[in-house]
Amino acid sequence: VPFCLGSINLMNNTQISQTQFMTLLQNINELQPSQGIFSFSLNWTDIQGLTPAIDNPWTASLLYRNPKFKNAGKIISLSDFLALAKNVTSLSAVSIKIEN
C-alpha cells in the first residue's frame, strides 16, 4: 500500500522506536548506512497503528517545528491523501515527490 511518509525508514518519521517492532531493526547498506526499521517489514495495519512524528530539519540547532503537535495526526494511504486533497477548496495544487 503506497502511503505518505518522508522515508522508507520508519525510525525517521514515527515513534516506532517505542514499540514492540524494535526487533525488526536491521542494516541494509543499499538503502542507508545505519540501521533502521523499514516499511516493507510491517503490514499496513501495523503501519497505521504507528504514531507519526513531524520531520524536523533543525534538530542540530535544537529548534523544533510545532512541538505541541509533534505527534499529532495519522499515517494515511496515498489514495486517501489524494481524495482529501481533491476535496479541499483552499488548495490550488498538490505536489508529490515519489522516490524509487
N, C-alpha and C. Protein backbone atom coordinates (compact mmCIF):
# COMPACT_ATOMS: atom_id res chain seq x y z
N VAL A 1 0.85 -1.18 0.00
CA VAL A 1 0.00 0.00 0.00
C VAL A 1 0.89 1.24 0.00
N PRO A 2 0.83 2.06 -1.03
CA PRO A 2 1.59 3.32 -1.01
C PRO A 2 1.03 4.25 0.07
N PHE A 3 1.90 4.88 0.83
CA PHE A 3 1.44 5.81 1.85
C PHE A 3 2.36 7.01 1.92
N CYS A 4 1.91 8.04 2.62
CA CYS A 4 2.62 9.32 2.66
C CYS A 4 3.54 9.38 3.88
N LEU A 5 4.84 9.37 3.62
CA LEU A 5 5.84 9.49 4.68
C LEU A 5 7.15 9.90 4.02
N GLY A 6 7.99 10.58 4.74
CA GLY A 6 9.21 11.11 4.17
C GLY A 6 10.35 10.13 3.97
N SER A 7 10.23 8.91 4.47
CA SER A 7 11.34 7.98 4.39
C SER A 7 10.84 6.54 4.45
N ILE A 8 11.56 5.65 3.81
CA ILE A 8 11.26 4.21 3.90
C ILE A 8 11.61 3.68 5.29
N ASN A 9 12.51 4.39 5.98
CA ASN A 9 12.91 4.02 7.34
C ASN A 9 11.92 4.65 8.32
N LEU A 10 11.13 3.84 8.96
CA LEU A 10 10.10 4.33 9.87
C LEU A 10 10.68 4.98 11.12
N MET A 11 11.97 4.77 11.38
CA MET A 11 12.63 5.42 12.52
C MET A 11 12.70 6.94 12.32
N ASN A 12 12.69 7.39 11.07
CA ASN A 12 12.85 8.81 10.77
C ASN A 12 11.60 9.64 11.00
N ASN A 13 10.41 9.05 10.84
CA ASN A 13 9.19 9.85 10.87
C ASN A 13 8.08 9.29 11.76
N THR A 14 8.41 8.33 12.61
CA THR A 14 7.41 7.77 13.52
C THR A 14 8.04 7.52 14.89
N GLN A 15 7.23 7.11 15.81
CA GLN A 15 7.70 6.75 17.14
C GLN A 15 7.89 5.23 17.26
N ILE A 16 8.27 4.58 16.16
CA ILE A 16 8.41 3.12 16.14
C ILE A 16 9.45 2.61 17.14
N SER A 17 10.41 3.45 17.49
CA SER A 17 11.44 3.02 18.44
C SER A 17 10.87 2.76 19.84
N GLN A 18 9.64 3.19 20.07
CA GLN A 18 9.00 2.99 21.36
C GLN A 18 7.95 1.88 21.30
N THR A 19 8.10 0.97 20.33
CA THR A 19 7.13 -0.10 20.15
C THR A 19 7.80 -1.47 20.19
N GLN A 20 6.99 -2.50 20.06
CA GLN A 20 7.50 -3.87 20.02
C GLN A 20 8.22 -4.18 18.72
N PHE A 21 8.18 -3.28 17.74
CA PHE A 21 8.80 -3.53 16.44
C PHE A 21 10.31 -3.31 16.43
N MET A 22 10.90 -2.96 17.55
CA MET A 22 12.36 -2.78 17.61
C MET A 22 13.10 -4.07 17.26
N THR A 23 12.44 -5.20 17.37
CA THR A 23 13.06 -6.47 16.99
C THR A 23 13.28 -6.56 15.48
N LEU A 24 12.65 -5.67 14.71
CA LEU A 24 12.79 -5.65 13.25
C LEU A 24 13.94 -4.75 12.78
N LEU A 25 14.69 -4.19 13.71
CA LEU A 25 15.82 -3.33 13.38
C LEU A 25 16.83 -4.10 12.52
N GLN A 26 17.22 -3.52 11.39
CA GLN A 26 18.17 -4.19 10.51
C GLN A 26 19.03 -3.18 9.76
N ASN A 27 20.12 -3.67 9.24
CA ASN A 27 21.04 -2.84 8.47
C ASN A 27 20.98 -3.29 7.01
N ILE A 28 20.59 -2.39 6.13
CA ILE A 28 20.55 -2.66 4.69
C ILE A 28 21.37 -1.57 4.02
N ASN A 29 22.64 -1.87 3.76
CA ASN A 29 23.58 -0.88 3.24
C ASN A 29 23.14 -0.27 1.92
N GLU A 30 22.38 -1.01 1.11
CA GLU A 30 21.92 -0.49 -0.16
C GLU A 30 20.91 0.65 0.01
N LEU A 31 20.28 0.72 1.18
CA LEU A 31 19.29 1.76 1.45
C LEU A 31 19.86 2.92 2.26
N GLN A 32 20.67 2.59 3.26
CA GLN A 32 21.27 3.62 4.11
C GLN A 32 22.39 2.99 4.94
N PRO A 33 23.34 3.79 5.40
CA PRO A 33 24.48 3.25 6.12
C PRO A 33 24.18 2.82 7.56
N SER A 34 23.10 3.31 8.14
CA SER A 34 22.78 2.97 9.53
C SER A 34 21.58 2.03 9.59
N GLN A 35 21.35 1.47 10.77
CA GLN A 35 20.23 0.56 10.96
C GLN A 35 18.90 1.29 10.90
N GLY A 36 17.86 0.55 10.59
CA GLY A 36 16.53 1.12 10.55
C GLY A 36 15.46 0.04 10.63
N ILE A 37 14.23 0.49 10.75
CA ILE A 37 13.08 -0.39 10.64
C ILE A 37 12.33 0.09 9.41
N PHE A 38 12.27 -0.73 8.41
CA PHE A 38 11.80 -0.31 7.10
C PHE A 38 10.33 -0.67 6.88
N SER A 39 9.66 0.15 6.11
CA SER A 39 8.22 -0.01 5.91
C SER A 39 7.84 -1.37 5.34
N PHE A 40 8.70 -1.97 4.54
CA PHE A 40 8.37 -3.28 3.95
C PHE A 40 8.45 -4.42 4.97
N SER A 41 8.90 -4.13 6.19
CA SER A 41 8.97 -5.15 7.24
C SER A 41 7.67 -5.26 8.04
N LEU A 42 6.75 -4.33 7.83
CA LEU A 42 5.48 -4.32 8.55
C LEU A 42 4.32 -4.40 7.57
N ASN A 43 3.16 -4.82 8.06
CA ASN A 43 1.98 -4.79 7.21
C ASN A 43 1.27 -3.44 7.39
N TRP A 44 0.30 -3.17 6.53
CA TRP A 44 -0.36 -1.87 6.51
C TRP A 44 -1.07 -1.58 7.84
N THR A 45 -1.68 -2.57 8.44
CA THR A 45 -2.36 -2.37 9.73
C THR A 45 -1.37 -1.94 10.80
N ASP A 46 -0.19 -2.54 10.83
CA ASP A 46 0.84 -2.16 11.80
C ASP A 46 1.32 -0.74 11.55
N ILE A 47 1.52 -0.37 10.29
CA ILE A 47 1.98 0.98 9.96
C ILE A 47 0.94 2.02 10.37
N GLN A 48 -0.34 1.73 10.12
CA GLN A 48 -1.40 2.66 10.51
C GLN A 48 -1.46 2.87 12.02
N GLY A 49 -1.02 1.88 12.79
CA GLY A 49 -1.05 1.99 14.24
C GLY A 49 0.12 2.77 14.83
N LEU A 50 1.08 3.15 14.00
CA LEU A 50 2.24 3.90 14.49
C LEU A 50 1.88 5.36 14.74
N THR A 51 2.57 5.98 15.67
CA THR A 51 2.40 7.40 15.93
C THR A 51 3.39 8.16 15.05
N PRO A 52 2.88 9.06 14.20
CA PRO A 52 3.80 9.82 13.34
C PRO A 52 4.57 10.86 14.14
N ALA A 53 5.68 11.29 13.59
CA ALA A 53 6.49 12.36 14.19
C ALA A 53 6.80 13.38 13.09
N ILE A 54 6.56 14.65 13.36
CA ILE A 54 6.84 15.69 12.37
C ILE A 54 8.33 15.69 12.06
N ASP A 55 8.65 15.69 10.78
CA ASP A 55 10.04 15.77 10.35
C ASP A 55 10.62 17.10 10.82
N ASN A 56 11.83 17.06 11.35
CA ASN A 56 12.43 18.27 11.90
C ASN A 56 13.82 18.49 11.32
N PRO A 57 13.96 19.39 10.34
CA PRO A 57 15.27 19.62 9.73
C PRO A 57 16.24 20.42 10.61
N TRP A 58 15.77 20.94 11.74
CA TRP A 58 16.62 21.82 12.56
C TRP A 58 17.02 21.20 13.89
N THR A 59 17.06 19.90 14.02
CA THR A 59 17.37 19.27 15.30
C THR A 59 18.77 19.61 15.80
N ALA A 60 19.71 19.81 14.89
CA ALA A 60 21.08 20.14 15.31
C ALA A 60 21.13 21.46 16.06
N SER A 61 20.24 22.38 15.73
CA SER A 61 20.23 23.67 16.41
C SER A 61 19.16 23.74 17.50
N LEU A 62 18.58 22.59 17.82
CA LEU A 62 17.57 22.47 18.88
C LEU A 62 16.33 23.34 18.64
N LEU A 63 16.00 23.57 17.37
CA LEU A 63 14.76 24.25 17.01
C LEU A 63 13.76 23.18 16.59
N TYR A 64 12.56 23.25 17.10
CA TYR A 64 11.56 22.23 16.82
C TYR A 64 10.33 22.83 16.17
N ARG A 65 9.81 22.11 15.19
CA ARG A 65 8.61 22.55 14.49
C ARG A 65 7.38 22.18 15.32
N ASN A 66 6.63 23.16 15.73
CA ASN A 66 5.35 22.97 16.39
C ASN A 66 5.39 21.84 17.44
N PRO A 67 6.19 21.99 18.50
CA PRO A 67 6.38 20.91 19.47
C PRO A 67 5.09 20.41 20.12
N LYS A 68 4.10 21.27 20.26
CA LYS A 68 2.83 20.86 20.88
C LYS A 68 2.15 19.75 20.07
N PHE A 69 2.32 19.78 18.76
CA PHE A 69 1.65 18.81 17.89
C PHE A 69 2.62 17.91 17.15
N LYS A 70 3.80 17.67 17.73
CA LYS A 70 4.84 16.90 17.04
C LYS A 70 4.42 15.47 16.72
N ASN A 71 3.47 14.92 17.46
CA ASN A 71 3.00 13.56 17.20
C ASN A 71 1.51 13.51 16.86
N ALA A 72 0.97 14.64 16.41
CA ALA A 72 -0.44 14.69 16.03
C ALA A 72 -0.62 14.10 14.63
N GLY A 73 -1.80 13.66 14.35
CA GLY A 73 -2.11 13.15 13.02
C GLY A 73 -2.03 11.65 12.94
N LYS A 74 -2.14 11.15 11.72
CA LYS A 74 -2.06 9.71 11.49
C LYS A 74 -1.46 9.47 10.11
N ILE A 75 -0.95 8.28 9.91
CA ILE A 75 -0.37 7.90 8.63
C ILE A 75 -1.52 7.44 7.74
N ILE A 76 -1.61 8.03 6.54
CA ILE A 76 -2.69 7.68 5.62
C ILE A 76 -2.13 7.17 4.30
N SER A 77 -2.95 6.43 3.60
CA SER A 77 -2.53 5.91 2.30
C SER A 77 -2.47 7.05 1.28
N LEU A 78 -1.73 6.83 0.22
CA LEU A 78 -1.63 7.83 -0.84
C LEU A 78 -3.00 8.11 -1.44
N SER A 79 -3.80 7.09 -1.66
CA SER A 79 -5.14 7.30 -2.24
C SER A 79 -6.03 8.12 -1.31
N ASP A 80 -5.95 7.90 0.01
CA ASP A 80 -6.72 8.71 0.96
C ASP A 80 -6.24 10.15 0.95
N PHE A 81 -4.93 10.35 0.85
CA PHE A 81 -4.38 11.70 0.79
C PHE A 81 -4.87 12.43 -0.45
N LEU A 82 -4.83 11.76 -1.60
CA LEU A 82 -5.28 12.39 -2.84
C LEU A 82 -6.77 12.72 -2.80
N ALA A 83 -7.57 11.84 -2.21
CA ALA A 83 -9.00 12.11 -2.06
C ALA A 83 -9.22 13.31 -1.14
N LEU A 84 -8.47 13.39 -0.06
CA LEU A 84 -8.57 14.53 0.86
C LEU A 84 -8.18 15.82 0.15
N ALA A 85 -7.08 15.80 -0.58
CA ALA A 85 -6.61 17.00 -1.29
C ALA A 85 -7.60 17.43 -2.36
N LYS A 86 -8.23 16.49 -3.01
CA LYS A 86 -9.19 16.79 -4.08
C LYS A 86 -10.41 17.54 -3.53
N ASN A 87 -10.79 17.25 -2.30
CA ASN A 87 -11.99 17.84 -1.71
C ASN A 87 -11.74 19.12 -0.92
N VAL A 88 -10.50 19.58 -0.86
CA VAL A 88 -10.18 20.81 -0.14
C VAL A 88 -10.19 21.97 -1.13
N THR A 89 -11.10 22.91 -0.93
CA THR A 89 -11.24 24.01 -1.89
C THR A 89 -10.16 25.08 -1.73
N SER A 90 -9.46 25.10 -0.62
CA SER A 90 -8.44 26.13 -0.40
C SER A 90 -7.12 25.80 -1.09
N LEU A 91 -6.99 24.61 -1.67
CA LEU A 91 -5.76 24.22 -2.38
C LEU A 91 -5.93 24.42 -3.87
N SER A 92 -4.89 24.93 -4.50
CA SER A 92 -4.92 25.05 -5.96
C SER A 92 -4.17 23.90 -6.62
N ALA A 93 -3.25 23.26 -5.88
CA ALA A 93 -2.47 22.16 -6.44
C ALA A 93 -1.84 21.35 -5.31
N VAL A 94 -1.43 20.14 -5.65
CA VAL A 94 -0.72 19.27 -4.72
C VAL A 94 0.51 18.76 -5.45
N SER A 95 1.66 18.83 -4.80
CA SER A 95 2.91 18.33 -5.37
C SER A 95 3.33 17.09 -4.60
N ILE A 96 3.64 16.04 -5.34
CA ILE A 96 4.04 14.78 -4.72
C ILE A 96 5.39 14.37 -5.28
N LYS A 97 6.32 14.04 -4.39
CA LYS A 97 7.64 13.56 -4.79
C LYS A 97 7.69 12.06 -4.54
N ILE A 98 7.87 11.30 -5.60
CA ILE A 98 7.93 9.84 -5.48
C ILE A 98 9.35 9.40 -5.76
N GLU A 99 9.93 8.65 -4.83
CA GLU A 99 11.30 8.16 -4.99
C GLU A 99 11.29 6.66 -5.13
N ASN A 100 12.22 6.15 -5.89
CA ASN A 100 12.34 4.72 -6.08
C ASN A 100 13.35 4.18 -5.09
